[in-house]
Amino acid sequence: MTDITARERRFKIGSVVNLIADKYHRGTPDGIYKVASLMPAEGQEYQYRIKDTRTGNVFVVRENQLR
């Protein structure tokens, strides 16, 4: 298994991203969000705190949920 820190993050603070909600984020609508902060990796997946550009709500998501 490779160390997650050997791979660069796909997004930076301030990046505008599209969330693809999964079964763990059913209440989180798909749409445009802004990366608010970088979170530690969980397993082999980086995490991000993202902010809804419409409502200001903040969510923590995995990198594979973002486009």
PDB file of N, CA and C in Angstrom:
ATOM      1  N   MET A   1       0.844  -1.173   0.000  1.00  0.00           N
ATOM      2  CA  MET A   1       0.000   0.000   0.000  1.00  0.00           C
ATOM      3  C   MET A   1       0.892   1.240   0.000  1.00  0.00           C
ATOM      4  N   THR A   2       0.582   2.193  -0.861  1.00  0.00           N
ATOM      5  CA  THR A   2       1.395   3.402  -0.934  1.00  0.00           C
ATOM      6  C   THR A   2       0.925   4.421   0.091  1.00  0.00           C
ATOM      7  N   ASP A   3       1.856   5.270   0.505  1.00  0.00           N
ATOM      8  CA  ASP A   3       1.554   6.325   1.464  1.00  0.00           C
ATOM      9  C   ASP A   3       0.806   7.445   0.743  1.00  0.00           C
ATOM     10  N   ILE A   4      -0.328   7.865   1.281  1.00  0.00           N
ATOM     11  CA  ILE A   4      -1.144   8.908   0.664  1.00  0.00           C
ATOM     12  C   ILE A   4      -0.359  10.201   0.489  1.00  0.00           C
ATOM     13  N   THR A   5       0.564  10.493   1.386  1.00  0.00           N
ATOM     14  CA  THR A   5       1.313  11.752   1.304  1.00  0.00           C
ATOM     15  C   THR A   5       2.285  11.769   0.135  1.00  0.00           C
ATOM     16  N   ALA A   6       2.506  10.633  -0.514  1.00  0.00           N
ATOM     17  CA  ALA A   6       3.374  10.594  -1.689  1.00  0.00           C
ATOM     18  C   ALA A   6       2.645  11.145  -2.923  1.00  0.00           C
ATOM     19  N   ARG A   7       1.341  11.278  -2.821  1.00  0.00           N
ATOM     20  CA  ARG A   7       0.526  11.790  -3.926  1.00  0.00           C
ATOM     21  C   ARG A   7       0.079  13.214  -3.605  1.00  0.00           C
ATOM     22  N   GLU A   8       0.139  14.065  -4.587  1.00  0.00           N
ATOM     23  CA  GLU A   8      -0.256  15.456  -4.411  1.00  0.00           C
ATOM     24  C   GLU A   8      -1.781  15.568  -4.372  1.00  0.00           C
ATOM     25  N   ARG A   9      -2.276  16.532  -3.605  1.00  0.00           N
ATOM     26  CA  ARG A   9      -3.717  16.793  -3.574  1.00  0.00           C
ATOM     27  C   ARG A   9      -4.180  17.338  -4.913  1.00  0.00           C
ATOM     28  N   ARG A  10      -5.419  17.050  -5.266  1.00  0.00           N
ATOM     29  CA  ARG A  10      -5.980  17.547  -6.526  1.00  0.00           C
ATOM     30  C   ARG A  10      -6.482  18.984  -6.409  1.00  0.00           C
ATOM     31  N   PHE A  11      -6.869  19.409  -5.195  1.00  0.00           N
ATOM     32  CA  PHE A  11      -7.479  20.723  -5.017  1.00  0.00           C
ATOM     33  C   PHE A  11      -6.745  21.513  -3.935  1.00  0.00           C
ATOM     34  N   LYS A  12      -6.823  22.832  -4.039  1.00  0.00           N
ATOM     35  CA  LYS A  12      -6.204  23.735  -3.074  1.00  0.00           C
ATOM     36  C   LYS A  12      -7.296  24.575  -2.417  1.00  0.00           C
ATOM     37  N   ILE A  13      -6.971  25.232  -1.308  1.00  0.00           N
ATOM     38  CA  ILE A  13      -7.905  26.138  -0.659  1.00  0.00           C
ATOM     39  C   ILE A  13      -8.321  27.202  -1.675  1.00  0.00           C
ATOM     40  N   GLY A  14      -9.619  27.441  -1.770  1.00  0.00           N
ATOM     41  CA  GLY A  14     -10.149  28.415  -2.712  1.00  0.00           C
ATOM     42  C   GLY A  14     -10.593  27.824  -4.037  1.00  0.00           C
ATOM     43  N   SER A  15     -10.225  26.567  -4.300  1.00  0.00           N
ATOM     44  CA  SER A  15     -10.654  25.924  -5.550  1.00  0.00           C
ATOM     45  C   SER A  15     -12.175  25.801  -5.587  1.00  0.00           C
ATOM     46  N   VAL A  16     -12.754  26.032  -6.743  1.00  0.00           N
ATOM     47  CA  VAL A  16     -14.187  25.826  -6.940  1.00  0.00           C
ATOM     48  C   VAL A  16     -14.350  24.408  -7.464  1.00  0.00           C
ATOM     49  N   VAL A  17     -15.195  23.628  -6.777  1.00  0.00           N
ATOM     50  CA  VAL A  17     -15.349  22.206  -7.097  1.00  0.00           C
ATOM     51  C   VAL A  17     -16.820  21.847  -7.237  1.00  0.00           C
ATOM     52  N   ASN A  18     -17.067  20.728  -7.887  1.00  0.00           N
ATOM     53  CA  ASN A  18     -18.411  20.189  -8.036  1.00  0.00           C
ATOM     54  C   ASN A  18     -18.500  18.944  -7.159  1.00  0.00           C
ATOM     55  N   LEU A  19     -19.453  18.905  -6.248  1.00  0.00           N
ATOM     56  CA  LEU A  19     -19.632  17.765  -5.351  1.00  0.00           C
ATOM     57  C   LEU A  19     -20.543  16.731  -5.994  1.00  0.00           C
ATOM     58  N   ILE A  20     -20.097  15.485  -5.964  1.00  0.00           N
ATOM     59  CA  ILE A  20     -20.910  14.348  -6.365  1.00  0.00           C
ATOM     60  C   ILE A  20     -21.228  13.597  -5.060  1.00  0.00           C
ATOM     61  N   ALA A  21     -22.405  13.848  -4.499  1.00  0.00           N
ATOM     62  CA  ALA A  21     -22.773  13.268  -3.204  1.00  0.00           C
ATOM     63  C   ALA A  21     -22.874  11.753  -3.313  1.00  0.00           C
ATOM     64  N   ASP A  22     -22.479  11.066  -2.237  1.00  0.00           N
ATOM     65  CA  ASP A  22     -22.576   9.606  -2.192  1.00  0.00           C
ATOM     66  C   ASP A  22     -23.541   9.202  -1.086  1.00  0.00           C
ATOM     67  N   LYS A  23     -23.586   7.925  -0.761  1.00  0.00           N
ATOM     68  CA  LYS A  23     -24.543   7.434   0.230  1.00  0.00           C
ATOM     69  C   LYS A  23     -24.327   8.032   1.618  1.00  0.00           C
ATOM     70  N   TYR A  24     -23.139   8.540   1.912  1.00  0.00           N
ATOM     71  CA  TYR A  24     -22.862   9.129   3.218  1.00  0.00           C
ATOM     72  C   TYR A  24     -23.257  10.602   3.273  1.00  0.00           C
ATOM     73  N   HIS A  25     -23.520  11.211   2.125  1.00  0.00           N
ATOM     74  CA  HIS A  25     -23.865  12.636   2.066  1.00  0.00           C
ATOM     75  C   HIS A  25     -25.186  12.847   1.330  1.00  0.00           C
ATOM     76  N   ARG A  26     -26.165  12.018   1.634  1.00  0.00           N
ATOM     77  CA  ARG A  26     -27.453  12.103   0.941  1.00  0.00           C
ATOM     78  C   ARG A  26     -28.123  13.452   1.141  1.00  0.00           C
ATOM     79  N   GLY A  27     -27.927  14.067   2.287  1.00  0.00           N
ATOM     80  CA  GLY A  27     -28.542  15.365   2.555  1.00  0.00           C
ATOM     81  C   GLY A  27     -27.757  16.526   1.976  1.00  0.00           C
ATOM     82  N   THR A  28     -26.611  16.231   1.408  1.00  0.00           N
ATOM     83  CA  THR A  28     -25.772  17.268   0.820  1.00  0.00           C
ATOM     84  C   THR A  28     -26.063  17.334  -0.672  1.00  0.00           C
ATOM     85  N   PRO A  29     -26.609  18.456  -1.127  1.00  0.00           N
ATOM     86  CA  PRO A  29     -26.954  18.519  -2.545  1.00  0.00           C
ATOM     87  C   PRO A  29     -25.727  18.601  -3.446  1.00  0.00           C
ATOM     88  N   ASP A  30     -25.805  17.910  -4.597  1.00  0.00           N
ATOM     89  CA  ASP A  30     -24.770  18.065  -5.617  1.00  0.00           C
ATOM     90  C   ASP A  30     -24.730  19.539  -5.992  1.00  0.00           C
ATOM     91  N   GLY A  31     -23.592  20.014  -6.405  1.00  0.00           N
ATOM     92  CA  GLY A  31     -23.510  21.399  -6.840  1.00  0.00           C
ATOM     93  C   GLY A  31     -22.119  21.974  -6.699  1.00  0.00           C
ATOM     94  N   ILE A  32     -22.042  23.288  -6.789  1.00  0.00           N
ATOM     95  CA  ILE A  32     -20.780  24.008  -6.763  1.00  0.00           C
ATOM     96  C   ILE A  32     -20.437  24.410  -5.325  1.00  0.00           C
ATOM     97  N   TYR A  33     -19.210  24.092  -4.930  1.00  0.00           N
ATOM     98  CA  TYR A  33     -18.708  24.404  -3.596  1.00  0.00           C
ATOM     99  C   TYR A  33     -17.316  25.003  -3.730  1.00  0.00           C
ATOM    100  N   LYS A  34     -16.842  25.600  -2.648  1.00  0.00           N
ATOM    101  CA  LYS A  34     -15.498  26.163  -2.625  1.00  0.00           C
ATOM    102  C   LYS A  34     -14.714  25.456  -1.516  1.00  0.00           C
ATOM    103  N   VAL A  35     -13.477  25.050  -1.804  1.00  0.00           N
ATOM    104  CA  VAL A  35     -12.649  24.385  -0.797  1.00  0.00           C
ATOM    105  C   VAL A  35     -12.274  25.413   0.266  1.00  0.00           C
ATOM    106  N   ALA A  36     -12.706  25.141   1.508  1.00  0.00           N
ATOM    107  CA  ALA A  36     -12.462  26.058   2.617  1.00  0.00           C
ATOM    108  C   ALA A  36     -11.181  25.705   3.366  1.00  0.00           C
ATOM    109  N   SER A  37     -10.892  24.406   3.492  1.00  0.00           N
ATOM    110  CA  SER A  37      -9.657  23.997   4.168  1.00  0.00           C
ATOM    111  C   SER A  37      -9.303  22.563   3.801  1.00  0.00           C
ATOM    112  N   LEU A  38      -8.053  22.231   3.997  1.00  0.00           N
ATOM    113  CA  LEU A  38      -7.547  20.887   3.740  1.00  0.00           C
ATOM    114  C   LEU A  38      -7.602  20.115   5.047  1.00  0.00           C
ATOM    115  N   MET A  39      -8.058  18.879   4.982  1.00  0.00           N
ATOM    116  CA  MET A  39      -8.194  18.030   6.161  1.00  0.00           C
ATOM    117  C   MET A  39      -7.197  16.872   6.047  1.00  0.00           C
ATOM    118  N   PRO A  40      -6.882  16.235   7.170  1.00  0.00           N
ATOM    119  CA  PRO A  40      -5.995  15.067   7.109  1.00  0.00           C
ATOM    120  C   PRO A  40      -6.633  13.944   6.293  1.00  0.00           C
ATOM    121  N   ALA A  41      -5.799  13.098   5.755  1.00  0.00           N
ATOM    122  CA  ALA A  41      -6.288  11.953   4.981  1.00  0.00           C
ATOM    123  C   ALA A  41      -6.969  10.964   5.911  1.00  0.00           C
ATOM    124  N   GLU A  42      -7.963  10.274   5.359  1.00  0.00           N
ATOM    125  CA  GLU A  42      -8.603   9.175   6.074  1.00  0.00           C
ATOM    126  C   GLU A  42      -8.380   7.935   5.225  1.00  0.00           C
ATOM    127  N   GLY A  43      -7.602   7.006   5.723  1.00  0.00           N
ATOM    128  CA  GLY A  43      -7.233   5.845   4.919  1.00  0.00           C
ATOM    129  C   GLY A  43      -6.354   6.300   3.774  1.00  0.00           C
ATOM    130  N   GLN A  44      -6.731   5.973   2.572  1.00  0.00           N
ATOM    131  CA  GLN A  44      -5.967   6.344   1.381  1.00  0.00           C
ATOM    132  C   GLN A  44      -6.646   7.477   0.600  1.00  0.00           C
ATOM    133  N   GLU A  45      -7.439   8.285   1.281  1.00  0.00           N
ATOM    134  CA  GLU A  45      -8.196   9.340   0.606  1.00  0.00           C
ATOM    135  C   GLU A  45      -8.027  10.672   1.345  1.00  0.00           C
ATOM    136  N   TYR A  46      -7.607  11.705   0.621  1.00  0.00           N
ATOM    137  CA  TYR A  46      -7.554  13.045   1.202  1.00  0.00           C
ATOM    138  C   TYR A  46      -8.970  13.526   1.491  1.00  0.00           C
ATOM    139  N   GLN A  47      -9.101  14.422   2.470  1.00  0.00           N
ATOM    140  CA  GLN A  47     -10.391  15.016   2.810  1.00  0.00           C
ATOM    141  C   GLN A  47     -10.283  16.534   2.708  1.00  0.00           C
ATOM    142  N   TYR A  48     -11.433  17.156   2.481  1.00  0.00           N
ATOM    143  CA  TYR A  48     -11.515  18.610   2.350  1.00  0.00           C
ATOM    144  C   TYR A  48     -12.734  19.111   3.105  1.00  0.00           C
ATOM    145  N   ARG A  49     -12.643  20.317   3.609  1.00  0.00           N
ATOM    146  CA  ARG A  49     -13.813  21.008   4.144  1.00  0.00           C
ATOM    147  C   ARG A  49     -14.253  21.937   3.013  1.00  0.00           C
ATOM    148  N   ILE A  50     -15.503  21.775   2.563  1.00  0.00           N
ATOM    149  CA  ILE A  50     -16.005  22.593   1.463  1.00  0.00           C
ATOM    150  C   ILE A  50     -17.182  23.438   1.940  1.00  0.00           C
ATOM    151  N   LYS A  51     -17.362  24.590   1.299  1.00  0.00           N
ATOM    152  CA  LYS A  51     -18.426  25.518   1.678  1.00  0.00           C
ATOM    153  C   LYS A  51     -19.383  25.695   0.500  1.00  0.00           C
ATOM    154  N   ASP A  52     -20.671  25.561   0.785  1.00  0.00           N
ATOM    155  CA  ASP A  52     -21.707  25.749  -0.226  1.00  0.00           C
ATOM    156  C   ASP A  52     -21.720  27.223  -0.624  1.00  0.00           C
ATOM    157  N   THR A  53     -21.583  27.506  -1.911  1.00  0.00           N
ATOM    158  CA  THR A  53     -21.518  28.890  -2.382  1.00  0.00           C
ATOM    159  C   THR A  53     -22.874  29.594  -2.304  1.00  0.00           C
ATOM    160  N   ARG A  54     -23.969  28.835  -2.141  1.00  0.00           N
ATOM    161  CA  ARG A  54     -25.305  29.435  -2.057  1.00  0.00           C
ATOM    162  C   ARG A  54     -25.733  29.695  -0.633  1.00  0.00           C
ATOM    163  N   THR A  55     -25.498  28.722   0.258  1.00  0.00           N
ATOM    164  CA  THR A  55     -26.042  28.815   1.621  1.00  0.00           C
ATOM    165  C   THR A  55     -24.986  29.101   2.683  1.00  0.00           C
ATOM    166  N   GLY A  56     -23.728  28.838   2.363  1.00  0.00           N
ATOM    167  CA  GLY A  56     -22.667  29.023   3.349  1.00  0.00           C
ATOM    168  C   GLY A  56     -22.459  27.806   4.242  1.00  0.00           C
ATOM    169  N   ASN A  57     -23.253  26.738   4.051  1.00  0.00           N
ATOM    170  CA  ASN A  57     -23.079  25.516   4.843  1.00  0.00           C
ATOM    171  C   ASN A  57     -21.739  24.878   4.516  1.00  0.00           C
ATOM    172  N   VAL A  58     -21.141  24.237   5.533  1.00  0.00           N
ATOM    173  CA  VAL A  58     -19.821  23.619   5.386  1.00  0.00           C
ATOM    174  C   VAL A  58     -19.938  22.115   5.593  1.00  0.00           C
ATOM    175  N   PHE A  59     -19.230  21.350   4.753  1.00  0.00           N
ATOM    176  CA  PHE A  59     -19.248  19.891   4.812  1.00  0.00           C
ATOM    177  C   PHE A  59     -17.824  19.358   4.685  1.00  0.00           C
ATOM    178  N   VAL A  60     -17.591  18.173   5.249  1.00  0.00           N
ATOM    179  CA  VAL A  60     -16.314  17.481   5.065  1.00  0.00           C
ATOM    180  C   VAL A  60     -16.567  16.340   4.094  1.00  0.00           C
ATOM    181  N   VAL A  61     -15.747  16.283   3.030  1.00  0.00           N
ATOM    182  CA  VAL A  61     -15.908  15.259   1.991  1.00  0.00           C
ATOM    183  C   VAL A  61     -14.563  14.683   1.604  1.00  0.00           C
ATOM    184  N   ARG A  62     -14.613  13.520   0.962  1.00  0.00           N
ATOM    185  CA  ARG A  62     -13.408  12.874   0.458  1.00  0.00           C
ATOM    186  C   ARG A  62     -13.090  13.397  -0.945  1.00  0.00           C
ATOM    187  N   GLU A  63     -11.821  13.324  -1.305  1.00  0.00           N
ATOM    188  CA  GLU A  63     -11.380  13.836  -2.605  1.00  0.00           C
ATOM    189  C   GLU A  63     -12.108  13.171  -3.772  1.00  0.00           C
ATOM    190  N   ASN A  64     -12.416  11.887  -3.648  1.00  0.00           N
ATOM    191  CA  ASN A  64     -13.052  11.191  -4.776  1.00  0.00           C
ATOM    192  C   ASN A  64     -14.499  11.635  -5.013  1.00  0.00           C
ATOM    193  N   GLN A  65     -15.050  12.469  -4.145  1.00  0.00           N
ATOM    194  CA  GLN A  65     -16.394  13.004  -4.331  1.00  0.00           C
ATOM    195  C   GLN A  65     -16.385  14.333  -5.087  1.00  0.00           C
ATOM    196  N   LEU A  66     -15.204  14.852  -5.375  1.00  0.00           N
ATOM    197  CA  LEU A  66     -15.096  16.167  -5.988  1.00  0.00           C
ATOM    198  C   LEU A  66     -14.623  16.070  -7.425  1.00  0.00           C
ATOM    199  N   ARG A  67     -15.140  16.944  -8.262  1.00  0.00           N
ATOM    200  CA  ARG A  67     -14.730  17.064  -9.662  1.00  0.00           C
ATOM    201  C   ARG A  67     -14.343  18.490  -9.915  1.00  0.00           C
TER     202      ARG A  67
END
